Amino acid sequence: MGRTASEEVILHLVHSKCLPALLYGLEVCPLTKTDYGSLDFVEMRFLMKLYCTSNSDIVNECRMCFNFRLPCEIVPTRSVKVMLKLSNVAEA
């Protein structure tokens, strides 16, 4: 797609296709702070390339504008949902 698609289209594709593949199954794995840092690094580097900047403040501002969360924000929420589903299955 190169530079023909808008940032919004690219972010949507990454959010719907790439992040699920990157985060698949992580909600049941015990992750350390280093693991989260590695996952966040991948996303931050992608965003730096997308916005043609190496300034993390600019990238974070763009992330907030597009509501694009880092893996360290996504995985714990997904982990809670999985654990709740598992506890409901165990009770049934």
PDB file of N, CA and C in Angstrom:
ATOM      1  N   MET A   1       0.827  -1.195   0.000  1.00  0.00           N
ATOM      2  CA  MET A   1       0.000   0.000   0.000  1.00  0.00           C
ATOM      3  C   MET A   1       0.868   1.253   0.000  1.00  0.00           C
ATOM      4  N   GLY A   2       2.051   1.142   0.608  1.00  0.00           N
ATOM      5  CA  GLY A   2       2.971   2.277   0.587  1.00  0.00           C
ATOM      6  C   GLY A   2       2.350   3.527   1.161  1.00  0.00           C
ATOM      7  N   ARG A   3       2.485   4.607   0.450  1.00  0.00           N
ATOM      8  CA  ARG A   3       1.971   5.898   0.911  1.00  0.00           C
ATOM      9  C   ARG A   3       0.644   6.268   0.259  1.00  0.00           C
ATOM     10  N   THR A   4      -0.011   5.315  -0.406  1.00  0.00           N
ATOM     11  CA  THR A   4      -1.271   5.627  -1.069  1.00  0.00           C
ATOM     12  C   THR A   4      -2.448   5.617  -0.098  1.00  0.00           C
ATOM     13  N   ALA A   5      -2.349   4.866   0.980  1.00  0.00           N
ATOM     14  CA  ALA A   5      -3.437   4.805   1.958  1.00  0.00           C
ATOM     15  C   ALA A   5      -3.203   5.837   3.049  1.00  0.00           C
ATOM     16  N   SER A   6      -4.291   6.314   3.624  1.00  0.00           N
ATOM     17  CA  SER A   6      -4.174   7.284   4.708  1.00  0.00           C
ATOM     18  C   SER A   6      -3.723   6.592   5.990  1.00  0.00           C
ATOM     19  N   GLU A   7      -3.274   7.389   6.948  1.00  0.00           N
ATOM     20  CA  GLU A   7      -2.849   6.840   8.235  1.00  0.00           C
ATOM     21  C   GLU A   7      -3.990   6.111   8.930  1.00  0.00           C
ATOM     22  N   GLU A   8      -5.206   6.646   8.778  1.00  0.00           N
ATOM     23  CA  GLU A   8      -6.361   6.027   9.421  1.00  0.00           C
ATOM     24  C   GLU A   8      -6.619   4.623   8.877  1.00  0.00           C
ATOM     25  N   VAL A   9      -6.484   4.453   7.568  1.00  0.00           N
ATOM     26  CA  VAL A   9      -6.696   3.147   6.948  1.00  0.00           C
ATOM     27  C   VAL A   9      -5.620   2.168   7.407  1.00  0.00           C
ATOM     28  N   ILE A  10      -4.378   2.616   7.409  1.00  0.00           N
ATOM     29  CA  ILE A  10      -3.275   1.752   7.842  1.00  0.00           C
ATOM     30  C   ILE A  10      -3.436   1.360   9.303  1.00  0.00           C
ATOM     31  N   LEU A  11      -3.791   2.318  10.150  1.00  0.00           N
ATOM     32  CA  LEU A  11      -4.000   2.006  11.568  1.00  0.00           C
ATOM     33  C   LEU A  11      -5.138   1.014  11.753  1.00  0.00           C
ATOM     34  N   HIS A  12      -6.202   1.176  10.989  1.00  0.00           N
ATOM     35  CA  HIS A  12      -7.323   0.247  11.102  1.00  0.00           C
ATOM     36  C   HIS A  12      -6.902  -1.166  10.694  1.00  0.00           C
ATOM     37  N   LEU A  13      -6.154  -1.265   9.599  1.00  0.00           N
ATOM     38  CA  LEU A  13      -5.685  -2.577   9.154  1.00  0.00           C
ATOM     39  C   LEU A  13      -4.751  -3.221  10.178  1.00  0.00           C
ATOM     40  N   VAL A  14      -3.847  -2.442  10.720  1.00  0.00           N
ATOM     41  CA  VAL A  14      -2.927  -2.973  11.733  1.00  0.00           C
ATOM     42  C   VAL A  14      -3.697  -3.406  12.964  1.00  0.00           C
ATOM     43  N   HIS A  15      -4.664  -2.592  13.373  1.00  0.00           N
ATOM     44  CA  HIS A  15      -5.458  -2.911  14.562  1.00  0.00           C
ATOM     45  C   HIS A  15      -6.300  -4.168  14.354  1.00  0.00           C
ATOM     46  N   SER A  16      -6.843  -4.338  13.174  1.00  0.00           N
ATOM     47  CA  SER A  16      -7.739  -5.475  12.948  1.00  0.00           C
ATOM     48  C   SER A  16      -7.031  -6.738  12.472  1.00  0.00           C
ATOM     49  N   LYS A  17      -5.862  -6.615  11.837  1.00  0.00           N
ATOM     50  CA  LYS A  17      -5.187  -7.790  11.280  1.00  0.00           C
ATOM     51  C   LYS A  17      -3.869  -8.133  11.984  1.00  0.00           C
ATOM     52  N   CYS A  18      -3.043  -7.156  12.252  1.00  0.00           N
ATOM     53  CA  CYS A  18      -1.690  -7.420  12.776  1.00  0.00           C
ATOM     54  C   CYS A  18      -1.661  -7.593  14.293  1.00  0.00           C
ATOM     55  N   LEU A  19      -2.322  -6.700  15.019  1.00  0.00           N
ATOM     56  CA  LEU A  19      -2.292  -6.796  16.482  1.00  0.00           C
ATOM     57  C   LEU A  19      -2.879  -8.100  17.002  1.00  0.00           C
ATOM     58  N   PRO A  20      -3.985  -8.590  16.454  1.00  0.00           N
ATOM     59  CA  PRO A  20      -4.474  -9.884  16.940  1.00  0.00           C
ATOM     60  C   PRO A  20      -3.453 -11.006  16.752  1.00  0.00           C
ATOM     61  N   ALA A  21      -2.725 -10.975  15.648  1.00  0.00           N
ATOM     62  CA  ALA A  21      -1.696 -12.000  15.424  1.00  0.00           C
ATOM     63  C   ALA A  21      -0.540 -11.832  16.404  1.00  0.00           C
ATOM     64  N   LEU A  22      -0.157 -10.595  16.673  1.00  0.00           N
ATOM     65  CA  LEU A  22       0.939 -10.317  17.598  1.00  0.00           C
ATOM     66  C   LEU A  22       0.577 -10.700  19.027  1.00  0.00           C
ATOM     67  N   LEU A  23      -0.670 -10.466  19.400  1.00  0.00           N
ATOM     68  CA  LEU A  23      -1.085 -10.661  20.792  1.00  0.00           C
ATOM     69  C   LEU A  23      -1.793 -11.999  21.043  1.00  0.00           C
ATOM     70  N   TYR A  24      -1.880 -12.846  20.015  1.00  0.00           N
ATOM     71  CA  TYR A  24      -2.622 -14.095  20.135  1.00  0.00           C
ATOM     72  C   TYR A  24      -2.130 -14.942  21.311  1.00  0.00           C
ATOM     73  N   GLY A  25      -3.030 -15.254  22.210  1.00  0.00           N
ATOM     74  CA  GLY A  25      -2.735 -16.156  23.318  1.00  0.00           C
ATOM     75  C   GLY A  25      -1.984 -15.542  24.479  1.00  0.00           C
ATOM     76  N   LEU A  26      -1.596 -14.277  24.379  1.00  0.00           N
ATOM     77  CA  LEU A  26      -0.793 -13.677  25.447  1.00  0.00           C
ATOM     78  C   LEU A  26      -1.585 -13.426  26.725  1.00  0.00           C
ATOM     79  N   GLU A  27      -2.905 -13.409  26.604  1.00  0.00           N
ATOM     80  CA  GLU A  27      -3.706 -13.132  27.796  1.00  0.00           C
ATOM     81  C   GLU A  27      -3.622 -14.250  28.832  1.00  0.00           C
ATOM     82  N   VAL A  28      -3.176 -15.433  28.442  1.00  0.00           N
ATOM     83  CA  VAL A  28      -3.056 -16.537  29.397  1.00  0.00           C
ATOM     84  C   VAL A  28      -1.600 -16.806  29.787  1.00  0.00           C
ATOM     85  N   CYS A  29      -0.680 -16.017  29.252  1.00  0.00           N
ATOM     86  CA  CYS A  29       0.746 -16.186  29.568  1.00  0.00           C
ATOM     87  C   CYS A  29       1.162 -15.191  30.640  1.00  0.00           C
ATOM     88  N   PRO A  30       1.997 -15.622  31.578  1.00  0.00           N
ATOM     89  CA  PRO A  30       2.534 -14.664  32.551  1.00  0.00           C
ATOM     90  C   PRO A  30       3.610 -13.803  31.875  1.00  0.00           C
ATOM     91  N   LEU A  31       3.347 -12.527  31.712  1.00  0.00           N
ATOM     92  CA  LEU A  31       4.279 -11.623  31.041  1.00  0.00           C
ATOM     93  C   LEU A  31       4.984 -10.732  32.052  1.00  0.00           C
ATOM     94  N   THR A  32       6.260 -10.501  31.815  1.00  0.00           N
ATOM     95  CA  THR A  32       7.033  -9.604  32.663  1.00  0.00           C
ATOM     96  C   THR A  32       6.997  -8.197  32.073  1.00  0.00           C
ATOM     97  N   LYS A  33       7.536  -7.268  32.829  1.00  0.00           N
ATOM     98  CA  LYS A  33       7.617  -5.899  32.354  1.00  0.00           C
ATOM     99  C   LYS A  33       8.469  -5.822  31.082  1.00  0.00           C
ATOM    100  N   THR A  34       9.511  -6.647  31.021  1.00  0.00           N
ATOM    101  CA  THR A  34      10.371  -6.705  29.841  1.00  0.00           C
ATOM    102  C   THR A  34       9.599  -7.209  28.623  1.00  0.00           C
ATOM    103  N   ASP A  35       8.738  -8.191  28.826  1.00  0.00           N
ATOM    104  CA  ASP A  35       7.914  -8.708  27.723  1.00  0.00           C
ATOM    105  C   ASP A  35       6.999  -7.621  27.176  1.00  0.00           C
ATOM    106  N   TYR A  36       6.349  -6.891  28.081  1.00  0.00           N
ATOM    107  CA  TYR A  36       5.484  -5.792  27.647  1.00  0.00           C
ATOM    108  C   TYR A  36       6.294  -4.724  26.915  1.00  0.00           C
ATOM    109  N   GLY A  37       7.490  -4.445  27.413  1.00  0.00           N
ATOM    110  CA  GLY A  37       8.350  -3.464  26.756  1.00  0.00           C
ATOM    111  C   GLY A  37       8.708  -3.875  25.347  1.00  0.00           C
ATOM    112  N   SER A  38       8.961  -5.152  25.147  1.00  0.00           N
ATOM    113  CA  SER A  38       9.285  -5.653  23.803  1.00  0.00           C
ATOM    114  C   SER A  38       8.090  -5.522  22.864  1.00  0.00           C
ATOM    115  N   LEU A  39       6.916  -5.841  23.356  1.00  0.00           N
ATOM    116  CA  LEU A  39       5.713  -5.718  22.533  1.00  0.00           C
ATOM    117  C   LEU A  39       5.413  -4.254  22.206  1.00  0.00           C
ATOM    118  N   ASP A  40       5.568  -3.392  23.198  1.00  0.00           N
ATOM    119  CA  ASP A  40       5.337  -1.962  22.983  1.00  0.00           C
ATOM    120  C   ASP A  40       6.346  -1.389  21.983  1.00  0.00           C
ATOM    121  N   PHE A  41       7.590  -1.885  22.041  1.00  0.00           N
ATOM    122  CA  PHE A  41       8.631  -1.416  21.135  1.00  0.00           C
ATOM    123  C   PHE A  41       8.239  -1.670  19.676  1.00  0.00           C
ATOM    124  N   VAL A  42       7.691  -2.845  19.402  1.00  0.00           N
ATOM    125  CA  VAL A  42       7.274  -3.182  18.038  1.00  0.00           C
ATOM    126  C   VAL A  42       6.239  -2.179  17.544  1.00  0.00           C
ATOM    127  N   GLU A  43       5.261  -1.896  18.377  1.00  0.00           N
ATOM    128  CA  GLU A  43       4.205  -0.976  17.969  1.00  0.00           C
ATOM    129  C   GLU A  43       4.716   0.453  17.836  1.00  0.00           C
ATOM    130  N   MET A  44       5.556   0.877  18.774  1.00  0.00           N
ATOM    131  CA  MET A  44       6.090   2.243  18.713  1.00  0.00           C
ATOM    132  C   MET A  44       6.945   2.428  17.455  1.00  0.00           C
ATOM    133  N   ARG A  45       7.738   1.437  17.093  1.00  0.00           N
ATOM    134  CA  ARG A  45       8.568   1.533  15.891  1.00  0.00           C
ATOM    135  C   ARG A  45       7.711   1.608  14.635  1.00  0.00           C
ATOM    136  N   PHE A  46       6.645   0.831  14.606  1.00  0.00           N
ATOM    137  CA  PHE A  46       5.721   0.898  13.475  1.00  0.00           C
ATOM    138  C   PHE A  46       5.148   2.312  13.353  1.00  0.00           C
ATOM    139  N   LEU A  47       4.703   2.869  14.479  1.00  0.00           N
ATOM    140  CA  LEU A  47       4.100   4.202  14.454  1.00  0.00           C
ATOM    141  C   LEU A  47       5.124   5.277  14.092  1.00  0.00           C
ATOM    142  N   MET A  48       6.359   5.106  14.543  1.00  0.00           N
ATOM    143  CA  MET A  48       7.403   6.067  14.177  1.00  0.00           C
ATOM    144  C   MET A  48       7.639   6.056  12.666  1.00  0.00           C
ATOM    145  N   LYS A  49       7.607   4.877  12.069  1.00  0.00           N
ATOM    146  CA  LYS A  49       7.777   4.788  10.614  1.00  0.00           C
ATOM    147  C   LYS A  49       6.561   5.354   9.892  1.00  0.00           C
ATOM    148  N   LEU A  50       5.384   5.095  10.420  1.00  0.00           N
ATOM    149  CA  LEU A  50       4.160   5.592   9.794  1.00  0.00           C
ATOM    150  C   LEU A  50       4.124   7.119   9.784  1.00  0.00           C
ATOM    151  N   TYR A  51       4.497   7.735  10.906  1.00  0.00           N
ATOM    152  CA  TYR A  51       4.443   9.192  11.024  1.00  0.00           C
ATOM    153  C   TYR A  51       5.762   9.872  10.686  1.00  0.00           C
ATOM    154  N   CYS A  52       6.745   9.107  10.226  1.00  0.00           N
ATOM    155  CA  CYS A  52       8.043   9.652   9.811  1.00  0.00           C
ATOM    156  C   CYS A  52       8.671  10.532  10.885  1.00  0.00           C
ATOM    157  N   THR A  53       8.730  10.003  12.097  1.00  0.00           N
ATOM    158  CA  THR A  53       9.340  10.730  13.204  1.00  0.00           C
ATOM    159  C   THR A  53       9.982   9.748  14.159  1.00  0.00           C
ATOM    160  N   SER A  54      10.959  10.227  14.891  1.00  0.00           N
ATOM    161  CA  SER A  54      11.555   9.402  15.943  1.00  0.00           C
ATOM    162  C   SER A  54      11.251   9.981  17.321  1.00  0.00           C
ATOM    163  N   ASN A  55      10.379  10.962  17.352  1.00  0.00           N
ATOM    164  CA  ASN A  55       9.988  11.605  18.594  1.00  0.00           C
ATOM    165  C   ASN A  55       8.827  10.836  19.223  1.00  0.00           C
ATOM    166  N   SER A  56       9.077  10.222  20.373  1.00  0.00           N
ATOM    167  CA  SER A  56       8.036   9.409  21.010  1.00  0.00           C
ATOM    168  C   SER A  56       6.871  10.253  21.520  1.00  0.00           C
ATOM    169  N   ASP A  57       7.108  11.523  21.832  1.00  0.00           N
ATOM    170  CA  ASP A  57       6.007  12.390  22.267  1.00  0.00           C
ATOM    171  C   ASP A  57       5.006  12.607  21.132  1.00  0.00           C
ATOM    172  N   ILE A  58       5.510  12.807  19.930  1.00  0.00           N
ATOM    173  CA  ILE A  58       4.633  12.990  18.768  1.00  0.00           C
ATOM    174  C   ILE A  58       3.856  11.704  18.503  1.00  0.00           C
ATOM    175  N   VAL A  59       4.540  10.578  18.585  1.00  0.00           N
ATOM    176  CA  VAL A  59       3.886   9.287  18.357  1.00  0.00           C
ATOM    177  C   VAL A  59       2.803   9.051  19.396  1.00  0.00           C
ATOM    178  N   ASN A  60       3.101   9.347  20.653  1.00  0.00           N
ATOM    179  CA  ASN A  60       2.096   9.157  21.713  1.00  0.00           C
ATOM    180  C   ASN A  60       0.902  10.075  21.517  1.00  0.00           C
ATOM    181  N   GLU A  61       1.133  11.290  21.058  1.00  0.00           N
ATOM    182  CA  GLU A  61       0.024  12.205  20.785  1.00  0.00           C
ATOM    183  C   GLU A  61      -0.853  11.662  19.652  1.00  0.00           C
ATOM    184  N   CYS A  62      -0.227  11.148  18.610  1.00  0.00           N
ATOM    185  CA  CYS A  62      -0.973  10.550  17.492  1.00  0.00           C
ATOM    186  C   CYS A  62      -1.738   9.311  17.961  1.00  0.00           C
ATOM    187  N   ARG A  63      -1.110   8.505  18.823  1.00  0.00           N
ATOM    188  CA  ARG A  63      -1.786   7.310  19.355  1.00  0.00           C
ATOM    189  C   ARG A  63      -3.054   7.714  20.093  1.00  0.00           C
ATOM    190  N   MET A  64      -2.949   8.756  20.895  1.00  0.00           N
ATOM    191  CA  MET A  64      -4.113   9.204  21.669  1.00  0.00           C
ATOM    192  C   MET A  64      -5.212   9.739  20.744  1.00  0.00           C
ATOM    193  N   CYS A  65      -4.830  10.453  19.700  1.00  0.00           N
ATOM    194  CA  CYS A  65      -5.819  10.995  18.761  1.00  0.00           C
ATOM    195  C   CYS A  65      -6.600   9.891  18.057  1.00  0.00           C
ATOM    196  N   PHE A  66      -5.916   8.791  17.731  1.00  0.00           N
ATOM    197  CA  PHE A  66      -6.552   7.690  17.019  1.00  0.00           C
ATOM    198  C   PHE A  66      -6.987   6.566  17.950  1.00  0.00           C
ATOM    199  N   ASN A  67      -6.854   6.759  19.262  1.00  0.00           N
ATOM    200  CA  ASN A  67      -7.230   5.753  20.263  1.00  0.00           C
ATOM    201  C   ASN A  67      -6.555   4.409  19.958  1.00  0.00           C
ATOM    202  N   PHE A  68      -5.259   4.458  19.705  1.00  0.00           N
ATOM    203  CA  PHE A  68      -4.460   3.281  19.372  1.00  0.00           C
ATOM    204  C   PHE A  68      -3.638   2.919  20.602  1.00  0.00           C
ATOM    205  N   ARG A  69      -4.076   1.863  21.293  1.00  0.00           N
ATOM    206  CA  ARG A  69      -3.453   1.504  22.567  1.00  0.00           C
ATOM    207  C   ARG A  69      -2.252   0.586  22.379  1.00  0.00           C
ATOM    208  N   LEU A  70      -1.314   0.686  23.305  1.00  0.00           N
ATOM    209  CA  LEU A  70      -0.133  -0.175  23.307  1.00  0.00           C
ATOM    210  C   LEU A  70      -0.497  -1.551  23.870  1.00  0.00           C
ATOM    211  N   PRO A  71       0.282  -2.576  23.533  1.00  0.00           N
ATOM    212  CA  PRO A  71       0.027  -3.911  24.079  1.00  0.00           C
ATOM    213  C   PRO A  71       0.004  -3.952  25.608  1.00  0.00           C
ATOM    214  N   CYS A  72       0.821  -3.115  26.262  1.00  0.00           N
ATOM    215  CA  CYS A  72       0.811  -3.110  27.725  1.00  0.00           C
ATOM    216  C   CYS A  72      -0.520  -2.617  28.285  1.00  0.00           C
ATOM    217  N   GLU A  73      -1.321  -1.961  27.467  1.00  0.00           N
ATOM    218  CA  GLU A  73      -2.654  -1.515  27.871  1.00  0.00           C
ATOM    219  C   GLU A  73      -3.734  -2.517  27.450  1.00  0.00           C
ATOM    220  N   ILE A  74      -3.483  -3.248  26.381  1.00  0.00           N
ATOM    221  CA  ILE A  74      -4.483  -4.160  25.826  1.00  0.00           C
ATOM    222  C   ILE A  74      -4.486  -5.512  26.530  1.00  0.00           C
ATOM    223  N   VAL A  75      -3.310  -6.099  26.699  1.00  0.00           N
ATOM    224  CA  VAL A  75      -3.207  -7.472  27.205  1.00  0.00           C
ATOM    225  C   VAL A  75      -3.799  -7.638  28.608  1.00  0.00           C
ATOM    226  N   PRO A  76      -3.503  -6.758  29.572  1.00  0.00           N
ATOM    227  CA  PRO A  76      -4.110  -6.963  30.905  1.00  0.00           C
ATOM    228  C   PRO A  76      -5.634  -6.949  30.887  1.00  0.00           C
ATOM    229  N   THR A  77      -6.227  -6.089  30.072  1.00  0.00           N
ATOM    230  CA  THR A  77      -7.684  -6.044  29.951  1.00  0.00           C
ATOM    231  C   THR A  77      -8.219  -7.344  29.370  1.00  0.00           C
ATOM    232  N   ARG A  78      -7.542  -7.836  28.336  1.00  0.00           N
ATOM    233  CA  ARG A  78      -7.956  -9.106  27.738  1.00  0.00           C
ATOM    234  C   ARG A  78      -7.756 -10.258  28.718  1.00  0.00           C
ATOM    235  N   SER A  79      -6.712 -10.199  29.534  1.00  0.00           N
ATOM    236  CA  SER A  79      -6.456 -11.253  30.519  1.00  0.00           C
ATOM    237  C   SER A  79      -7.586 -11.344  31.535  1.00  0.00           C
ATOM    238  N   VAL A  80      -8.062 -10.208  31.989  1.00  0.00           N
ATOM    239  CA  VAL A  80      -9.167 -10.194  32.954  1.00  0.00           C
ATOM    240  C   VAL A  80     -10.409 -10.817  32.334  1.00  0.00           C
ATOM    241  N   LYS A  81     -10.698 -10.470  31.069  1.00  0.00           N
ATOM    242  CA  LYS A  81     -11.875 -11.030  30.398  1.00  0.00           C
ATOM    243  C   LYS A  81     -11.774 -12.547  30.272  1.00  0.00           C
ATOM    244  N   VAL A  82     -10.585 -13.041  29.907  1.00  0.00           N
ATOM    245  CA  VAL A  82     -10.393 -14.486  29.764  1.00  0.00           C
ATOM    246  C   VAL A  82     -10.554 -15.185  31.108  1.00  0.00           C
ATOM    247  N   MET A  83      -9.974 -14.620  32.153  1.00  0.00           N
ATOM    248  CA  MET A  83     -10.071 -15.234  33.477  1.00  0.00           C
ATOM    249  C   MET A  83     -11.518 -15.261  33.978  1.00  0.00           C
ATOM    250  N   LEU A  84     -12.269 -14.209  33.681  1.00  0.00           N
ATOM    251  CA  LEU A  84     -13.688 -14.192  34.062  1.00  0.00           C
ATOM    252  C   LEU A  84     -14.463 -15.278  33.309  1.00  0.00           C
ATOM    253  N   LYS A  85     -14.181 -15.443  32.025  1.00  0.00           N
ATOM    254  CA  LYS A  85     -14.844 -16.497  31.249  1.00  0.00           C
ATOM    255  C   LYS A  85     -14.482 -17.873  31.788  1.00  0.00           C
ATOM    256  N   LEU A  86     -13.221 -18.058  32.122  1.00  0.00           N
ATOM    257  CA  LEU A  86     -12.789 -19.353  32.661  1.00  0.00           C
ATOM    258  C   LEU A  86     -13.431 -19.644  34.009  1.00  0.00           C
ATOM    259  N   SER A  87     -13.569 -18.630  34.841  1.00  0.00           N
ATOM    260  CA  SER A  87     -14.191 -18.855  36.145  1.00  0.00           C
ATOM    261  C   SER A  87     -15.683 -19.150  35.990  1.00  0.00           C
ATOM    262  N   ASN A  88     -16.336 -18.544  34.992  1.00  0.00           N
ATOM    263  CA  ASN A  88     -17.737 -18.837  34.729  1.00  0.00           C
ATOM    264  C   ASN A  88     -17.924 -20.254  34.216  1.00  0.00           C
ATOM    265  N   VAL A  89     -17.006 -20.736  33.406  1.00  0.00           N
ATOM    266  CA  VAL A  89     -17.067 -22.102  32.892  1.00  0.00           C
ATOM    267  C   VAL A  89     -16.842 -23.102  34.031  1.00  0.00           C
ATOM    268  N   ALA A  90     -15.916 -22.774  34.917  1.00  0.00           N
ATOM    269  CA  ALA A  90     -15.618 -23.675  36.040  1.00  0.00           C
ATOM    270  C   ALA A  90     -16.800 -23.782  37.010  1.00  0.00           C
ATOM    271  N   GLU A  91     -17.566 -22.705  37.153  1.00  0.00           N
ATOM    272  CA  GLU A  91     -18.722 -22.712  38.055  1.00  0.00           C
ATOM    273  C   GLU A  91     -19.887 -23.499  37.472  1.00  0.00           C
ATOM    274  N   ALA A  92     -19.986 -23.537  36.167  1.00  0.00           N
ATOM    275  CA  ALA A  92     -21.127 -24.181  35.502  1.00  0.00           C
ATOM    276  C   ALA A  92     -21.055 -25.687  35.549  1.00  0.00           C
TER     277      ALA A  92
END
